PDB file of N, CA and C in Angstrom:
ATOM      1  N   MET A   1      -2.510  27.674  79.162  1.00  0.00           N
ATOM      2  CA  MET A   1      -3.733  27.061  78.968  1.00  0.00           C
ATOM      3  C   MET A   1      -4.811  28.043  78.913  1.00  0.00           C
ATOM      4  N   SER A   2      -5.735  27.981  77.916  1.00  0.00           N
ATOM      5  CA  SER A   2      -6.860  29.010  77.784  1.00  0.00           C
ATOM      6  C   SER A   2      -7.902  28.662  78.992  1.00  0.00           C
ATOM      7  N   ASN A   3      -8.556  29.703  79.289  1.00  0.00           N
ATOM      8  CA  ASN A   3      -9.561  29.555  80.412  1.00  0.00           C
ATOM      9  C   ASN A   3     -10.777  28.724  79.788  1.00  0.00           C
ATOM     10  N   ARG A   4     -11.161  27.660  80.557  1.00  0.00           N
ATOM     11  CA  ARG A   4     -12.150  26.779  80.165  1.00  0.00           C
ATOM     12  C   ARG A   4     -13.295  26.796  81.311  1.00  0.00           C
ATOM     13  N   SER A   5     -14.413  26.514  81.086  1.00  0.00           N
ATOM     14  CA  SER A   5     -15.487  26.255  82.074  1.00  0.00           C
ATOM     15  C   SER A   5     -16.296  25.057  81.569  1.00  0.00           C
ATOM     16  N   VAL A   6     -16.865  24.585  82.615  1.00  0.00           N
ATOM     17  CA  VAL A   6     -17.643  23.257  82.347  1.00  0.00           C
ATOM     18  C   VAL A   6     -19.213  23.646  82.476  1.00  0.00           C
ATOM     19  N   ILE A   7     -19.948  23.244  81.431  1.00  0.00           N
ATOM     20  CA  ILE A   7     -21.326  23.372  81.585  1.00  0.00           C
ATOM     21  C   ILE A   7     -21.997  21.943  81.481  1.00  0.00           C
ATOM     22  N   SER A   8     -23.096  21.759  81.877  1.00  0.00           N
ATOM     23  CA  SER A   8     -23.848  20.534  81.853  1.00  0.00           C
ATOM     24  C   SER A   8     -25.174  20.822  81.056  1.00  0.00           C
ATOM     25  N   VAL A   9     -25.333  19.812  80.019  1.00  0.00           N
ATOM     26  CA  VAL A   9     -26.479  19.982  79.120  1.00  0.00           C
ATOM     27  C   VAL A   9     -27.382  18.726  79.258  1.00  0.00           C
ATOM     28  N   HIS A  10     -28.680  19.052  79.423  1.00  0.00           N
ATOM     29  CA  HIS A  10     -29.555  17.860  79.346  1.00  0.00           C
ATOM     30  C   HIS A  10     -30.061  17.853  77.840  1.00  0.00           C
ATOM     31  N   THR A  11     -30.103  16.642  77.367  1.00  0.00           N
ATOM     32  CA  THR A  11     -30.533  16.502  76.119  1.00  0.00           C
ATOM     33  C   THR A  11     -31.299  15.143  75.809  1.00  0.00           C
ATOM     34  N   LYS A  12     -31.917  14.992  74.777  1.00  0.00           N
ATOM     35  CA  LYS A  12     -32.615  13.685  74.392  1.00  0.00           C
ATOM     36  C   LYS A  12     -31.634  12.723  74.291  1.00  0.00           C
ATOM     37  N   SER A  13     -32.039  11.399  74.547  1.00  0.00           N
ATOM     38  CA  SER A  13     -30.952  10.414  74.406  1.00  0.00           C
ATOM     39  C   SER A  13     -30.526  10.147  73.000  1.00  0.00           C
ATOM     40  N   GLU A  14     -31.426  10.483  71.999  1.00  0.00           N
ATOM     41  CA  GLU A  14     -31.209  10.358  70.551  1.00  0.00           C
ATOM     42  C   GLU A  14     -30.162  11.336  70.144  1.00  0.00           C
ATOM     43  N   THR A  15     -30.144  12.501  70.752  1.00  0.00           N
ATOM     44  CA  THR A  15     -29.261  13.531  70.512  1.00  0.00           C
ATOM     45  C   THR A  15     -27.881  13.171  70.996  1.00  0.00           C
ATOM     46  N   SER A  16     -27.894  12.624  72.290  1.00  0.00           N
ATOM     47  CA  SER A  16     -26.675  12.183  72.826  1.00  0.00           C
ATOM     48  C   SER A  16     -26.028  10.980  72.082  1.00  0.00           C
ATOM     49  N   GLN A  17     -26.916  10.102  71.513  1.00  0.00           N
ATOM     50  CA  GLN A  17     -26.358   8.903  70.734  1.00  0.00           C
ATOM     51  C   GLN A  17     -25.700   9.517  69.512  1.00  0.00           C
ATOM     52  N   ARG A  18     -26.459  10.411  68.766  1.00  0.00           N
ATOM     53  CA  ARG A  18     -25.980  11.018  67.536  1.00  0.00           C
ATOM     54  C   ARG A  18     -24.525  11.677  67.827  1.00  0.00           C
ATOM     55  N   LEU A  19     -24.340  12.296  68.888  1.00  0.00           N
ATOM     56  CA  LEU A  19     -23.234  13.086  69.170  1.00  0.00           C
ATOM     57  C   LEU A  19     -21.942  11.965  69.477  1.00  0.00           C
ATOM     58  N   GLU A  20     -22.298  10.940  70.197  1.00  0.00           N
ATOM     59  CA  GLU A  20     -21.520   9.781  70.475  1.00  0.00           C
ATOM     60  C   GLU A  20     -21.006   9.210  69.201  1.00  0.00           C
ATOM     61  N   GLU A  21     -21.902   8.969  68.164  1.00  0.00           N
ATOM     62  CA  GLU A  21     -21.603   8.342  66.914  1.00  0.00           C
ATOM     63  C   GLU A  21     -20.737   9.189  66.091  1.00  0.00           C
ATOM     64  N   LEU A  22     -21.015  10.546  66.071  1.00  0.00           N
ATOM     65  CA  LEU A  22     -20.187  11.525  65.234  1.00  0.00           C
ATOM     66  C   LEU A  22     -18.845  11.649  65.833  1.00  0.00           C
ATOM     67  N   ALA A  23     -18.814  11.609  67.173  1.00  0.00           N
ATOM     68  CA  ALA A  23     -17.433  11.698  67.826  1.00  0.00           C
ATOM     69  C   ALA A  23     -16.695  10.525  67.434  1.00  0.00           C
ATOM     70  N   THR A  24     -17.199   9.478  67.467  1.00  0.00           N
ATOM     71  CA  THR A  24     -16.504   8.237  66.943  1.00  0.00           C
ATOM     72  C   THR A  24     -15.964   8.255  65.634  1.00  0.00           C
ATOM     73  N   LEU A  25     -16.946   8.645  64.649  1.00  0.00           N
ATOM     74  CA  LEU A  25     -16.699   8.762  63.274  1.00  0.00           C
ATOM     75  C   LEU A  25     -15.639   9.659  62.988  1.00  0.00           C
ATOM     76  N   THR A  26     -15.596  10.817  63.565  1.00  0.00           N
ATOM     77  CA  THR A  26     -14.667  11.924  63.348  1.00  0.00           C
ATOM     78  C   THR A  26     -13.428  11.870  64.041  1.00  0.00           C
ATOM     79  N   ARG A  27     -13.429  11.091  65.077  1.00  0.00           N
ATOM     80  CA  ARG A  27     -12.292  10.848  65.999  1.00  0.00           C
ATOM     81  C   ARG A  27     -12.037  12.167  66.861  1.00  0.00           C
ATOM     82  N   ARG A  28     -13.162  12.820  67.087  1.00  0.00           N
ATOM     83  CA  ARG A  28     -13.028  14.016  67.993  1.00  0.00           C
ATOM     84  C   ARG A  28     -13.816  13.674  69.253  1.00  0.00           C
ATOM     85  N   SER A  29     -13.589  14.395  70.250  1.00  0.00           N
ATOM     86  CA  SER A  29     -14.184  14.234  71.556  1.00  0.00           C
ATOM     87  C   SER A  29     -15.664  14.868  71.484  1.00  0.00           C
ATOM     88  N   LYS A  30     -16.457  14.254  72.278  1.00  0.00           N
ATOM     89  CA  LYS A  30     -17.849  14.815  72.380  1.00  0.00           C
ATOM     90  C   LYS A  30     -17.783  16.167  72.814  1.00  0.00           C
ATOM     91  N   SER A  31     -16.952  16.567  73.561  1.00  0.00           N
ATOM     92  CA  SER A  31     -16.856  18.023  74.131  1.00  0.00           C
ATOM     93  C   SER A  31     -16.354  18.850  72.925  1.00  0.00           C
ATOM     94  N   PHE A  32     -15.420  18.434  72.254  1.00  0.00           N
ATOM     95  CA  PHE A  32     -14.916  19.226  71.030  1.00  0.00           C
ATOM     96  C   PHE A  32     -16.169  19.449  70.193  1.00  0.00           C
ATOM     97  N   LEU A  33     -16.981  18.522  69.666  1.00  0.00           N
ATOM     98  CA  LEU A  33     -18.105  18.714  68.898  1.00  0.00           C
ATOM     99  C   LEU A  33     -19.173  19.498  69.575  1.00  0.00           C
ATOM    100  N   ALA A  34     -19.570  19.274  70.731  1.00  0.00           N
ATOM    101  CA  ALA A  34     -20.525  20.143  71.351  1.00  0.00           C
ATOM    102  C   ALA A  34     -20.004  21.678  71.432  1.00  0.00           C
ATOM    103  N   ASN A  35     -18.779  21.768  71.766  1.00  0.00           N
ATOM    104  CA  ASN A  35     -18.256  23.229  71.776  1.00  0.00           C
ATOM    105  C   ASN A  35     -18.362  23.900  70.479  1.00  0.00           C
ATOM    106  N   LYS A  36     -18.026  23.147  69.347  1.00  0.00           N
ATOM    107  CA  LYS A  36     -18.188  23.627  67.969  1.00  0.00           C
ATOM    108  C   LYS A  36     -19.522  24.068  67.741  1.00  0.00           C
ATOM    109  N   ALA A  37     -20.531  23.129  68.029  1.00  0.00           N
ATOM    110  CA  ALA A  37     -21.978  23.340  67.809  1.00  0.00           C
ATOM    111  C   ALA A  37     -22.433  24.582  68.534  1.00  0.00           C
ATOM    112  N   ILE A  38     -22.044  24.692  69.724  1.00  0.00           N
ATOM    113  CA  ILE A  38     -22.414  25.946  70.558  1.00  0.00           C
ATOM    114  C   ILE A  38     -21.823  27.267  69.875  1.00  0.00           C
ATOM    115  N   GLU A  39     -20.631  27.021  69.423  1.00  0.00           N
ATOM    116  CA  GLU A  39     -19.979  28.309  68.921  1.00  0.00           C
ATOM    117  C   GLU A  39     -20.693  28.819  67.648  1.00  0.00           C
ATOM    118  N   LEU A  40     -20.933  27.660  66.767  1.00  0.00           N
ATOM    119  CA  LEU A  40     -21.633  27.915  65.464  1.00  0.00           C
ATOM    120  C   LEU A  40     -23.094  28.602  65.717  1.00  0.00           C
ATOM    121  N   TYR A  41     -23.733  28.040  66.725  1.00  0.00           N
ATOM    122  CA  TYR A  41     -25.101  28.463  67.103  1.00  0.00           C
ATOM    123  C   TYR A  41     -25.094  29.997  67.575  1.00  0.00           C
ATOM    124  N   LEU A  42     -24.194  30.113  68.497  1.00  0.00           N
ATOM    125  CA  LEU A  42     -24.051  31.565  69.137  1.00  0.00           C
ATOM    126  C   LEU A  42     -23.714  32.529  67.919  1.00  0.00           C
ATOM    127  N   ALA A  43     -22.770  32.141  66.961  1.00  0.00           N
ATOM    128  CA  ALA A  43     -22.409  33.098  66.089  1.00  0.00           C
ATOM    129  C   ALA A  43     -23.774  33.466  65.135  1.00  0.00           C
ATOM    130  N   GLU A  44     -24.416  32.393  64.736  1.00  0.00           N
ATOM    131  CA  GLU A  44     -25.664  32.738  63.967  1.00  0.00           C
ATOM    132  C   GLU A  44     -26.699  33.402  64.748  1.00  0.00           C
ATOM    133  N   GLU A  45     -26.847  33.191  65.964  1.00  0.00           N
ATOM    134  CA  GLU A  45     -27.865  33.880  66.746  1.00  0.00           C
ATOM    135  C   GLU A  45     -27.491  35.455  66.954  1.00  0.00           C
ATOM    136  N   GLU A  46     -26.057  35.522  67.198  1.00  0.00           N
ATOM    137  CA  GLU A  46     -25.547  36.893  67.423  1.00  0.00           C
ATOM    138  C   GLU A  46     -25.850  37.738  66.014  1.00  0.00           C
ATOM    139  N   ALA A  47     -25.631  37.111  65.034  1.00  0.00           N
ATOM    140  CA  ALA A  47     -25.748  37.785  63.672  1.00  0.00           C
ATOM    141  C   ALA A  47     -27.181  38.217  63.462  1.00  0.00           C
ATOM    142  N   PHE A  48     -28.074  37.228  63.861  1.00  0.00           N
ATOM    143  CA  PHE A  48     -29.478  37.580  63.631  1.00  0.00           C
ATOM    144  C   PHE A  48     -29.823  38.776  64.520  1.00  0.00           C
ATOM    145  N   VAL A  49     -29.413  38.674  65.990  1.00  0.00           N
ATOM    146  CA  VAL A  49     -29.771  39.809  66.789  1.00  0.00           C
ATOM    147  C   VAL A  49     -29.200  41.248  66.207  1.00  0.00           C
ATOM    148  N   THR A  50     -27.931  41.015  65.707  1.00  0.00           N
ATOM    149  CA  THR A  50     -27.360  42.407  65.176  1.00  0.00           C
ATOM    150  C   THR A  50     -28.211  42.891  64.041  1.00  0.00           C
ATOM    151  N   SER A  51     -28.607  41.809  63.093  1.00  0.00           N
ATOM    152  CA  SER A  51     -29.576  42.252  61.962  1.00  0.00           C
ATOM    153  C   SER A  51     -30.986  42.944  62.542  1.00  0.00           C
ATOM    154  N   VAL A  52     -31.457  42.357  63.429  1.00  0.00           N
ATOM    155  CA  VAL A  52     -32.748  42.902  63.970  1.00  0.00           C
ATOM    156  C   VAL A  52     -32.497  44.330  64.592  1.00  0.00           C
ATOM    157  N   ARG A  53     -31.488  44.538  65.294  1.00  0.00           N
ATOM    158  CA  ARG A  53     -31.117  45.614  65.900  1.00  0.00           C
ATOM    159  C   ARG A  53     -30.838  46.823  64.826  1.00  0.00           C
ATOM    160  N   GLN A  54     -30.151  46.398  63.705  1.00  0.00           N
ATOM    161  CA  GLN A  54     -29.805  47.281  62.626  1.00  0.00           C
ATOM    162  C   GLN A  54     -31.120  47.606  61.925  1.00  0.00           C
ATOM    163  N   GLY A  55     -32.025  46.774  61.875  1.00  0.00           N
ATOM    164  CA  GLY A  55     -33.349  47.065  61.274  1.00  0.00           C
ATOM    165  C   GLY A  55     -34.240  47.962  62.107  1.00  0.00           C
ATOM    166  N   ILE A  56     -34.180  47.729  63.422  1.00  0.00           N
ATOM    167  CA  ILE A  56     -34.846  48.635  64.238  1.00  0.00           C
ATOM    168  C   ILE A  56     -34.288  50.071  64.139  1.00  0.00           C
ATOM    169  N   ALA A  57     -32.934  50.187  64.119  1.00  0.00           N
ATOM    170  CA  ALA A  57     -32.304  51.521  63.967  1.00  0.00           C
ATOM    171  C   ALA A  57     -32.628  52.051  62.658  1.00  0.00           C
ATOM    172  N   ASP A  58     -32.643  51.400  61.566  1.00  0.00           N
ATOM    173  CA  ASP A  58     -33.082  51.852  60.260  1.00  0.00           C
ATOM    174  C   ASP A  58     -34.526  52.413  60.367  1.00  0.00           C
ATOM    175  N   VAL A  59     -35.444  51.670  60.965  1.00  0.00           N
ATOM    176  CA  VAL A  59     -36.807  52.189  60.970  1.00  0.00           C
ATOM    177  C   VAL A  59     -36.758  53.440  61.819  1.00  0.00           C
ATOM    178  N   ALA A  60     -36.142  53.465  63.020  1.00  0.00           N
ATOM    179  CA  ALA A  60     -36.167  54.739  63.828  1.00  0.00           C
ATOM    180  C   ALA A  60     -35.443  55.819  63.070  1.00  0.00           C
ATOM    181  N   GLY A  61     -34.547  55.534  62.226  1.00  0.00           N
ATOM    182  CA  GLY A  61     -33.887  56.716  61.475  1.00  0.00           C
ATOM    183  C   GLY A  61     -34.624  57.041  59.988  1.00  0.00           C
ATOM    184  N   GLY A  62     -35.848  56.375  59.918  1.00  0.00           N
ATOM    185  CA  GLY A  62     -36.630  56.673  58.747  1.00  0.00           C
ATOM    186  C   GLY A  62     -36.106  56.134  57.519  1.00  0.00           C
ATOM    187  N   HIS A  63     -35.335  55.113  57.559  1.00  0.00           N
ATOM    188  CA  HIS A  63     -34.723  54.426  56.346  1.00  0.00           C
ATOM    189  C   HIS A  63     -35.591  53.329  55.956  1.00  0.00           C
ATOM    190  N   LEU A  64     -36.663  53.693  55.283  1.00  0.00           N
ATOM    191  CA  LEU A  64     -37.698  52.666  54.900  1.00  0.00           C
ATOM    192  C   LEU A  64     -37.851  52.660  53.294  1.00  0.00           C
ATOM    193  N   TYR A  65     -38.331  51.639  52.859  1.00  0.00           N
ATOM    194  CA  TYR A  65     -38.624  51.437  51.497  1.00  0.00           C
ATOM    195  C   TYR A  65     -40.202  51.276  51.180  1.00  0.00           C
ATOM    196  N   SER A  66     -40.731  51.862  50.305  1.00  0.00           N
ATOM    197  CA  SER A  66     -42.237  51.611  50.072  1.00  0.00           C
ATOM    198  C   SER A  66     -42.363  50.151  49.367  1.00  0.00           C
ATOM    199  N   ILE A  67     -43.537  49.556  49.222  1.00  0.00           N
ATOM    200  CA  ILE A  67     -43.654  48.278  48.640  1.00  0.00           C
ATOM    201  C   ILE A  67     -43.171  48.348  47.205  1.00  0.00           C
ATOM    202  N   ASP A  68     -43.609  49.444  46.504  1.00  0.00           N
ATOM    203  CA  ASP A  68     -43.227  49.712  45.144  1.00  0.00           C
ATOM    204  C   ASP A  68     -41.736  49.731  44.974  1.00  0.00           C
ATOM    205  N   GLU A  69     -41.023  50.380  45.865  1.00  0.00           N
ATOM    206  CA  GLU A  69     -39.552  50.502  45.672  1.00  0.00           C
ATOM    207  C   GLU A  69     -39.083  49.024  45.956  1.00  0.00           C
ATOM    208  N   ILE A  70     -39.548  48.150  46.842  1.00  0.00           N
ATOM    209  CA  ILE A  70     -39.118  46.949  47.112  1.00  0.00           C
ATOM    210  C   ILE A  70     -39.297  46.154  45.807  1.00  0.00           C
ATOM    211  N   ARG A  71     -40.459  46.059  45.116  1.00  0.00           N
ATOM    212  CA  ARG A  71     -40.708  45.473  44.024  1.00  0.00           C
ATOM    213  C   ARG A  71     -39.712  45.814  42.909  1.00  0.00           C
ATOM    214  N   GLN A  72     -39.494  47.036  42.679  1.00  0.00           N
ATOM    215  CA  GLN A  72     -38.484  47.340  41.709  1.00  0.00           C
ATOM    216  C   GLN A  72     -37.072  46.979  41.920  1.00  0.00           C
ATOM    217  N   ARG A  73     -36.688  47.044  43.167  1.00  0.00           N
ATOM    218  CA  ARG A  73     -35.261  46.364  43.483  1.00  0.00           C
ATOM    219  C   ARG A  73     -35.292  44.942  43.188  1.00  0.00           C
ATOM    220  N   LEU A  74     -36.374  44.262  43.625  1.00  0.00           N
ATOM    221  CA  LEU A  74     -36.367  42.799  43.457  1.00  0.00           C
ATOM    222  C   LEU A  74     -36.404  42.479  42.139  1.00  0.00           C
ATOM    223  N   GLN A  75     -37.182  43.151  41.171  1.00  0.00           N
ATOM    224  CA  GLN A  75     -37.226  42.942  39.825  1.00  0.00           C
ATOM    225  C   GLN A  75     -35.727  43.129  39.235  1.00  0.00           C
ATOM    226  N   LEU A  76     -35.178  44.172  39.567  1.00  0.00           N
ATOM    227  CA  LEU A  76     -33.938  44.495  38.993  1.00  0.00           C
ATOM    228  C   LEU A  76     -32.870  43.497  39.481  1.00  0.00           C
ATOM    229  N   PHE A  77     -32.817  42.965  40.761  1.00  0.00           N
ATOM    230  CA  PHE A  77     -32.146  41.955  41.258  1.00  0.00           C
ATOM    231  C   PHE A  77     -32.323  40.563  40.457  1.00  0.00           C
ATOM    232  N   VAL A  78     -33.429  40.202  40.151  1.00  0.00           N
ATOM    233  CA  VAL A  78     -33.749  39.012  39.567  1.00  0.00           C
ATOM    234  C   VAL A  78     -33.510  39.131  38.020  1.00  0.00           C
ATOM    235  N   SER A  79     -33.603  40.235  37.408  1.00  0.00           N
ATOM    236  CA  SER A  79     -33.103  40.468  36.000  1.00  0.00           C
ATOM    237  C   SER A  79     -31.671  40.422  35.913  1.00  0.00           C
ATOM    238  N   GLU A  80     -30.902  41.004  36.922  1.00  0.00           N
ATOM    239  CA  GLU A  80     -29.408  40.942  36.837  1.00  0.00           C
ATOM    240  C   GLU A  80     -29.023  39.407  36.950  1.00  0.00           C
ATOM    241  N   LYS A  81     -29.597  38.691  37.909  1.00  0.00           N
ATOM    242  CA  LYS A  81     -29.102  37.280  38.197  1.00  0.00           C
ATOM    243  C   LYS A  81     -29.560  36.382  36.904  1.00  0.00           C
ATOM    244  N   ALA A  82     -30.589  36.619  36.384  1.00  0.00           N
ATOM    245  CA  ALA A  82     -30.950  35.918  35.115  1.00  0.00           C
ATOM    246  C   ALA A  82     -29.997  36.226  33.980  1.00  0.00           C
ATOM    247  N   SER A  83     -29.592  37.489  33.821  1.00  0.00           N
ATOM    248  CA  SER A  83     -28.518  37.874  32.848  1.00  0.00           C
ATOM    249  C   SER A  83     -27.249  37.188  33.089  1.00  0.00           C
ATOM    250  N   GLU A  84     -26.887  37.079  34.459  1.00  0.00           N
ATOM    251  CA  GLU A  84     -25.638  36.394  34.793  1.00  0.00           C
ATOM    252  C   GLU A  84     -25.592  35.018  34.393  1.00  0.00           C
ATOM    253  N   GLN A  85     -26.629  34.403  34.517  1.00  0.00           N
ATOM    254  CA  GLN A  85     -26.877  32.854  34.250  1.00  0.00           C
ATOM    255  C   GLN A  85     -26.891  32.648  32.724  1.00  0.00           C
ATOM    256  N   ASN A  86     -27.568  33.470  32.048  1.00  0.00           N
ATOM    257  CA  ASN A  86     -27.642  33.303  30.695  1.00  0.00           C
ATOM    258  C   ASN A  86     -26.416  33.824  29.791  1.00  0.00           C
ATOM    259  N   GLY A  87     -25.472  34.564  30.444  1.00  0.00           N
ATOM    260  CA  GLY A  87     -24.351  35.040  29.774  1.00  0.00           C
ATOM    261  C   GLY A  87     -24.638  36.208  28.841  1.00  0.00           C
ATOM    262  N   PRO A  88     -23.431  36.714  28.412  1.00  0.00           N
ATOM    263  CA  PRO A  88     -23.580  37.937  27.614  1.00  0.00           C
ATOM    264  C   PRO A  88     -24.370  37.835  26.202  1.00  0.00           C
TER     265      PRO A  88
END
């Protein structure tokens, strides 16, 4: 059996009721749904923190774009996407 730990979470009664209803509808336990929600949240936040750290490292390394370079890259991106949507 995998290692498990118990945590206690205080939440609004509305949130608790929503969790209860979803558990009933999906035939999953509240613990399963809460754990899944926590895992998804952590993955998103960890990805955000990683991106911020990468951005800080890029700035420290001098990897920057001027506003004109950003505008050019954005215009190119928009043009490419428009071409993809309009077809050949």
